[in-house]
Amino acid sequence: MIKHVLPYVVGSYGAAILILGFLALTSLLRYRAARRRLAAVEPRSRRSDGSDHGRQGVKS
């Protein structure tokens, strides 16, 4: 009985892996596109310390 069911189990696991891979790839591509759009709209210097030295005229 296990021999007859095994292809369906393997197929369902394979389909799940393919679907998750597809979703991960599309989300990565959308993330990169959104970062490019944001960089085009709001050009700032890339600072890793998170400081706001580039913001002028903004009162805290």
PDB file of N, CA and C in Angstrom:
ATOM      1  N   MET A   1       0.817  -1.195   0.000  1.00  0.00           N
ATOM      2  CA  MET A   1       0.000   0.000   0.000  1.00  0.00           C
ATOM      3  C   MET A   1       0.863   1.263   0.000  1.00  0.00           C
ATOM      4  N   ILE A   2       1.988   1.227   0.692  1.00  0.00           N
ATOM      5  CA  ILE A   2       2.862   2.399   0.751  1.00  0.00           C
ATOM      6  C   ILE A   2       3.419   2.710  -0.626  1.00  0.00           C
ATOM      7  N   LYS A   3       3.724   1.682  -1.418  1.00  0.00           N
ATOM      8  CA  LYS A   3       4.269   1.910  -2.759  1.00  0.00           C
ATOM      9  C   LYS A   3       3.302   2.707  -3.622  1.00  0.00           C
ATOM     10  N   HIS A   4       2.028   2.479  -3.443  1.00  0.00           N
ATOM     11  CA  HIS A   4       1.035   3.138  -4.287  1.00  0.00           C
ATOM     12  C   HIS A   4       0.791   4.580  -3.849  1.00  0.00           C
ATOM     13  N   VAL A   5       1.041   4.870  -2.603  1.00  0.00           N
ATOM     14  CA  VAL A   5       0.775   6.202  -2.075  1.00  0.00           C
ATOM     15  C   VAL A   5       2.012   7.091  -2.187  1.00  0.00           C
ATOM     16  N   LEU A   6       3.188   6.500  -2.214  1.00  0.00           N
ATOM     17  CA  LEU A   6       4.436   7.246  -2.182  1.00  0.00           C
ATOM     18  C   LEU A   6       4.560   8.294  -3.299  1.00  0.00           C
ATOM     19  N   PRO A   7       4.197   8.011  -4.540  1.00  0.00           N
ATOM     20  CA  PRO A   7       4.308   9.053  -5.570  1.00  0.00           C
ATOM     21  C   PRO A   7       3.450  10.288  -5.282  1.00  0.00           C
ATOM     22  N   TYR A   8       2.300  10.092  -4.674  1.00  0.00           N
ATOM     23  CA  TYR A   8       1.438  11.224  -4.347  1.00  0.00           C
ATOM     24  C   TYR A   8       2.043  12.063  -3.222  1.00  0.00           C
ATOM     25  N   VAL A   9       2.639  11.395  -2.249  1.00  0.00           N
ATOM     26  CA  VAL A   9       3.272  12.114  -1.145  1.00  0.00           C
ATOM     27  C   VAL A   9       4.474  12.894  -1.654  1.00  0.00           C
ATOM     28  N   VAL A  10       5.302  12.248  -2.466  1.00  0.00           N
ATOM     29  CA  VAL A  10       6.469  12.926  -3.024  1.00  0.00           C
ATOM     30  C   VAL A  10       6.031  14.078  -3.928  1.00  0.00           C
ATOM     31  N   GLY A  11       5.003  13.860  -4.692  1.00  0.00           N
ATOM     32  CA  GLY A  11       4.494  14.910  -5.577  1.00  0.00           C
ATOM     33  C   GLY A  11       3.959  16.104  -4.808  1.00  0.00           C
ATOM     34  N   SER A  12       3.257  15.835  -3.717  1.00  0.00           N
ATOM     35  CA  SER A  12       2.713  16.956  -2.944  1.00  0.00           C
ATOM     36  C   SER A  12       3.830  17.731  -2.255  1.00  0.00           C
ATOM     37  N   TYR A  13       4.845  17.053  -1.744  1.00  0.00           N
ATOM     38  CA  TYR A  13       5.987  17.755  -1.165  1.00  0.00           C
ATOM     39  C   TYR A  13       6.730  18.557  -2.238  1.00  0.00           C
ATOM     40  N   GLY A  14       6.902  17.979  -3.398  1.00  0.00           N
ATOM     41  CA  GLY A  14       7.565  18.684  -4.489  1.00  0.00           C
ATOM     42  C   GLY A  14       6.790  19.918  -4.913  1.00  0.00           C
ATOM     43  N   ALA A  15       5.465  19.784  -4.998  1.00  0.00           N
ATOM     44  CA  ALA A  15       4.633  20.927  -5.368  1.00  0.00           C
ATOM     45  C   ALA A  15       4.723  22.023  -4.315  1.00  0.00           C
ATOM     46  N   ALA A  16       4.740  21.633  -3.038  1.00  0.00           N
ATOM     47  CA  ALA A  16       4.852  22.627  -1.965  1.00  0.00           C
ATOM     48  C   ALA A  16       6.183  23.361  -2.043  1.00  0.00           C
ATOM     49  N   ILE A  17       7.257  22.647  -2.317  1.00  0.00           N
ATOM     50  CA  ILE A  17       8.579  23.274  -2.429  1.00  0.00           C
ATOM     51  C   ILE A  17       8.621  24.214  -3.628  1.00  0.00           C
ATOM     52  N   LEU A  18       8.041  23.802  -4.748  1.00  0.00           N
ATOM     53  CA  LEU A  18       8.011  24.671  -5.920  1.00  0.00           C
ATOM     54  C   LEU A  18       7.194  25.933  -5.680  1.00  0.00           C
ATOM     55  N   ILE A  19       6.055  25.787  -5.032  1.00  0.00           N
ATOM     56  CA  ILE A  19       5.207  26.945  -4.758  1.00  0.00           C
ATOM     57  C   ILE A  19       5.911  27.906  -3.800  1.00  0.00           C
ATOM     58  N   LEU A  20       6.527  27.364  -2.734  1.00  0.00           N
ATOM     59  CA  LEU A  20       7.240  28.224  -1.790  1.00  0.00           C
ATOM     60  C   LEU A  20       8.435  28.902  -2.444  1.00  0.00           C
ATOM     61  N   GLY A  21       9.135  28.194  -3.309  1.00  0.00           N
ATOM     62  CA  GLY A  21      10.245  28.800  -4.030  1.00  0.00           C
ATOM     63  C   GLY A  21       9.781  29.916  -4.945  1.00  0.00           C
ATOM     64  N   PHE A  22       8.669  29.699  -5.619  1.00  0.00           N
ATOM     65  CA  PHE A  22       8.105  30.724  -6.491  1.00  0.00           C
ATOM     66  C   PHE A  22       7.704  31.961  -5.692  1.00  0.00           C
ATOM     67  N   LEU A  23       7.045  31.754  -4.555  1.00  0.00           N
ATOM     68  CA  LEU A  23       6.635  32.880  -3.720  1.00  0.00           C
ATOM     69  C   LEU A  23       7.840  33.629  -3.170  1.00  0.00           C
ATOM     70  N   ALA A  24       8.872  32.909  -2.770  1.00  0.00           N
ATOM     71  CA  ALA A  24      10.076  33.561  -2.256  1.00  0.00           C
ATOM     72  C   ALA A  24      10.756  34.371  -3.352  1.00  0.00           C
ATOM     73  N   LEU A  25      10.837  33.822  -4.538  1.00  0.00           N
ATOM     74  CA  LEU A  25      11.476  34.529  -5.647  1.00  0.00           C
ATOM     75  C   LEU A  25      10.704  35.783  -6.028  1.00  0.00           C
ATOM     76  N   THR A  26       9.385  35.679  -6.135  1.00  0.00           N
ATOM     77  CA  THR A  26       8.604  36.858  -6.510  1.00  0.00           C
ATOM     78  C   THR A  26       8.646  37.925  -5.423  1.00  0.00           C
ATOM     79  N   SER A  27       8.648  37.506  -4.153  1.00  0.00           N
ATOM     80  CA  SER A  27       8.736  38.517  -3.094  1.00  0.00           C
ATOM     81  C   SER A  27      10.107  39.189  -3.100  1.00  0.00           C
ATOM     82  N   LEU A  28      11.164  38.455  -3.396  1.00  0.00           N
ATOM     83  CA  LEU A  28      12.491  39.055  -3.491  1.00  0.00           C
ATOM     84  C   LEU A  28      12.546  40.065  -4.638  1.00  0.00           C
ATOM     85  N   LEU A  29      11.985  39.709  -5.764  1.00  0.00           N
ATOM     86  CA  LEU A  29      11.977  40.626  -6.906  1.00  0.00           C
ATOM     87  C   LEU A  29      11.154  41.872  -6.614  1.00  0.00           C
ATOM     88  N   ARG A  30      10.020  41.711  -5.946  1.00  0.00           N
ATOM     89  CA  ARG A  30       9.196  42.865  -5.590  1.00  0.00           C
ATOM     90  C   ARG A  30       9.901  43.748  -4.574  1.00  0.00           C
ATOM     91  N   TYR A  31      10.613  43.157  -3.642  1.00  0.00           N
ATOM     92  CA  TYR A  31      11.370  43.906  -2.644  1.00  0.00           C
ATOM     93  C   TYR A  31      12.456  44.745  -3.312  1.00  0.00           C
ATOM     94  N   ARG A  32      13.185  44.137  -4.233  1.00  0.00           N
ATOM     95  CA  ARG A  32      14.249  44.868  -4.925  1.00  0.00           C
ATOM     96  C   ARG A  32      13.676  46.002  -5.759  1.00  0.00           C
ATOM     97  N   ALA A  33      12.550  45.772  -6.425  1.00  0.00           N
ATOM     98  CA  ALA A  33      11.930  46.819  -7.236  1.00  0.00           C
ATOM     99  C   ALA A  33      11.438  47.963  -6.345  1.00  0.00           C
ATOM    100  N   ALA A  34      10.890  47.634  -5.196  1.00  0.00           N
ATOM    101  CA  ALA A  34      10.408  48.667  -4.284  1.00  0.00           C
ATOM    102  C   ALA A  34      11.567  49.489  -3.736  1.00  0.00           C
ATOM    103  N   ARG A  35      12.689  48.851  -3.458  1.00  0.00           N
ATOM    104  CA  ARG A  35      13.865  49.604  -2.982  1.00  0.00           C
ATOM    105  C   ARG A  35      14.383  50.545  -4.057  1.00  0.00           C
ATOM    106  N   ARG A  36      14.364  50.093  -5.310  1.00  0.00           N
ATOM    107  CA  ARG A  36      14.803  50.969  -6.400  1.00  0.00           C
ATOM    108  C   ARG A  36      13.861  52.159  -6.553  1.00  0.00           C
ATOM    109  N   ARG A  37      12.549  51.921  -6.461  1.00  0.00           N
ATOM    110  CA  ARG A  37      11.592  53.018  -6.557  1.00  0.00           C
ATOM    111  C   ARG A  37      11.745  53.990  -5.401  1.00  0.00           C
ATOM    112  N   LEU A  38      11.953  53.483  -4.212  1.00  0.00           N
ATOM    113  CA  LEU A  38      12.134  54.354  -3.059  1.00  0.00           C
ATOM    114  C   LEU A  38      13.420  55.153  -3.180  1.00  0.00           C
ATOM    115  N   ALA A  39      14.472  54.545  -3.679  1.00  0.00           N
ATOM    116  CA  ALA A  39      15.732  55.263  -3.857  1.00  0.00           C
ATOM    117  C   ALA A  39      15.581  56.364  -4.912  1.00  0.00           C
ATOM    118  N   ALA A  40      14.741  56.142  -5.900  1.00  0.00           N
ATOM    119  CA  ALA A  40      14.534  57.157  -6.932  1.00  0.00           C
ATOM    120  C   ALA A  40      13.709  58.324  -6.396  1.00  0.00           C
ATOM    121  N   VAL A  41      12.787  58.051  -5.511  1.00  0.00           N
ATOM    122  CA  VAL A  41      11.926  59.090  -4.971  1.00  0.00           C
ATOM    123  C   VAL A  41      12.637  59.877  -3.884  1.00  0.00           C
ATOM    124  N   GLU A  42      13.385  59.218  -3.043  1.00  0.00           N
ATOM    125  CA  GLU A  42      14.007  59.857  -1.897  1.00  0.00           C
ATOM    126  C   GLU A  42      15.497  59.532  -1.865  1.00  0.00           C
ATOM    127  N   PRO A  43      16.272  60.235  -2.676  1.00  0.00           N
ATOM    128  CA  PRO A  43      17.701  59.936  -2.693  1.00  0.00           C
ATOM    129  C   PRO A  43      18.392  60.440  -1.433  1.00  0.00           C
ATOM    130  N   ARG A  44      18.996  59.533  -0.712  1.00  0.00           N
ATOM    131  CA  ARG A  44      19.763  59.858   0.487  1.00  0.00           C
ATOM    132  C   ARG A  44      21.069  59.106   0.422  1.00  0.00           C
ATOM    133  N   SER A  45      21.995  59.592   1.198  1.00  0.00           N
ATOM    134  CA  SER A  45      23.239  58.840   1.298  1.00  0.00           C
ATOM    135  C   SER A  45      22.971  57.621   2.172  1.00  0.00           C
ATOM    136  N   ARG A  46      23.596  56.526   1.828  1.00  0.00           N
ATOM    137  CA  ARG A  46      23.386  55.299   2.595  1.00  0.00           C
ATOM    138  C   ARG A  46      24.278  55.320   3.823  1.00  0.00           C
ATOM    139  N   ARG A  47      23.659  55.506   4.949  1.00  0.00           N
ATOM    140  CA  ARG A  47      24.394  55.494   6.211  1.00  0.00           C
ATOM    141  C   ARG A  47      23.902  54.315   7.013  1.00  0.00           C
ATOM    142  N   SER A  48      24.838  53.590   7.560  1.00  0.00           N
ATOM    143  CA  SER A  48      24.464  52.406   8.323  1.00  0.00           C
ATOM    144  C   SER A  48      24.176  52.717   9.784  1.00  0.00           C
ATOM    145  N   ASP A  49      24.518  53.944  10.240  1.00  0.00           N
ATOM    146  CA  ASP A  49      24.316  54.259  11.656  1.00  0.00           C
ATOM    147  C   ASP A  49      22.917  54.786  11.943  1.00  0.00           C
ATOM    148  N   GLY A  50      22.126  55.034  10.939  1.00  0.00           N
ATOM    149  CA  GLY A  50      20.752  55.460  11.120  1.00  0.00           C
ATOM    150  C   GLY A  50      20.592  56.915  11.499  1.00  0.00           C
ATOM    151  N   SER A  51      21.626  57.709  11.396  1.00  0.00           N
ATOM    152  CA  SER A  51      21.527  59.119  11.758  1.00  0.00           C
ATOM    153  C   SER A  51      20.820  59.890  10.654  1.00  0.00           C
ATOM    154  N   ASP A  52      20.266  61.037  11.048  1.00  0.00           N
ATOM    155  CA  ASP A  52      19.513  61.858  10.106  1.00  0.00           C
ATOM    156  C   ASP A  52      20.265  63.139   9.778  1.00  0.00           C
ATOM    157  N   HIS A  53      21.528  63.038   9.448  1.00  0.00           N
ATOM    158  CA  HIS A  53      22.323  64.219   9.149  1.00  0.00           C
ATOM    159  C   HIS A  53      21.888  64.875   7.843  1.00  0.00           C
ATOM    160  N   GLY A  54      21.269  64.132   6.955  1.00  0.00           N
ATOM    161  CA  GLY A  54      20.879  64.688   5.674  1.00  0.00           C
ATOM    162  C   GLY A  54      19.574  65.440   5.720  1.00  0.00           C
ATOM    163  N   ARG A  55      18.844  65.394   6.827  1.00  0.00           N
ATOM    164  CA  ARG A  55      17.547  66.057   6.932  1.00  0.00           C
ATOM    165  C   ARG A  55      17.746  67.489   7.386  1.00  0.00           C
ATOM    166  N   GLN A  56      17.445  68.422   6.515  1.00  0.00           N
ATOM    167  CA  GLN A  56      17.615  69.835   6.842  1.00  0.00           C
ATOM    168  C   GLN A  56      16.245  70.471   6.999  1.00  0.00           C
ATOM    169  N   GLY A  57      16.143  71.345   7.964  1.00  0.00           N
ATOM    170  CA  GLY A  57      14.895  72.062   8.153  1.00  0.00           C
ATOM    171  C   GLY A  57      13.827  71.277   8.877  1.00  0.00           C
ATOM    172  N   VAL A  58      14.148  70.152   9.435  1.00  0.00           N
ATOM    173  CA  VAL A  58      13.172  69.344  10.149  1.00  0.00           C
ATOM    174  C   VAL A  58      13.459  69.479  11.626  1.00  0.00           C
ATOM    175  N   LYS A  59      12.454  69.956  12.359  1.00  0.00           N
ATOM    176  CA  LYS A  59      12.629  70.125  13.802  1.00  0.00           C
ATOM    177  C   LYS A  59      12.243  68.845  14.523  1.00  0.00           C
ATOM    178  N   SER A  60      13.023  68.475  15.494  1.00  0.00           N
ATOM    179  CA  SER A  60      12.729  67.260  16.272  1.00  0.00           C
ATOM    180  C   SER A  60      11.893  67.586  17.469  1.00  0.00           C
TER     181      SER A  60
END
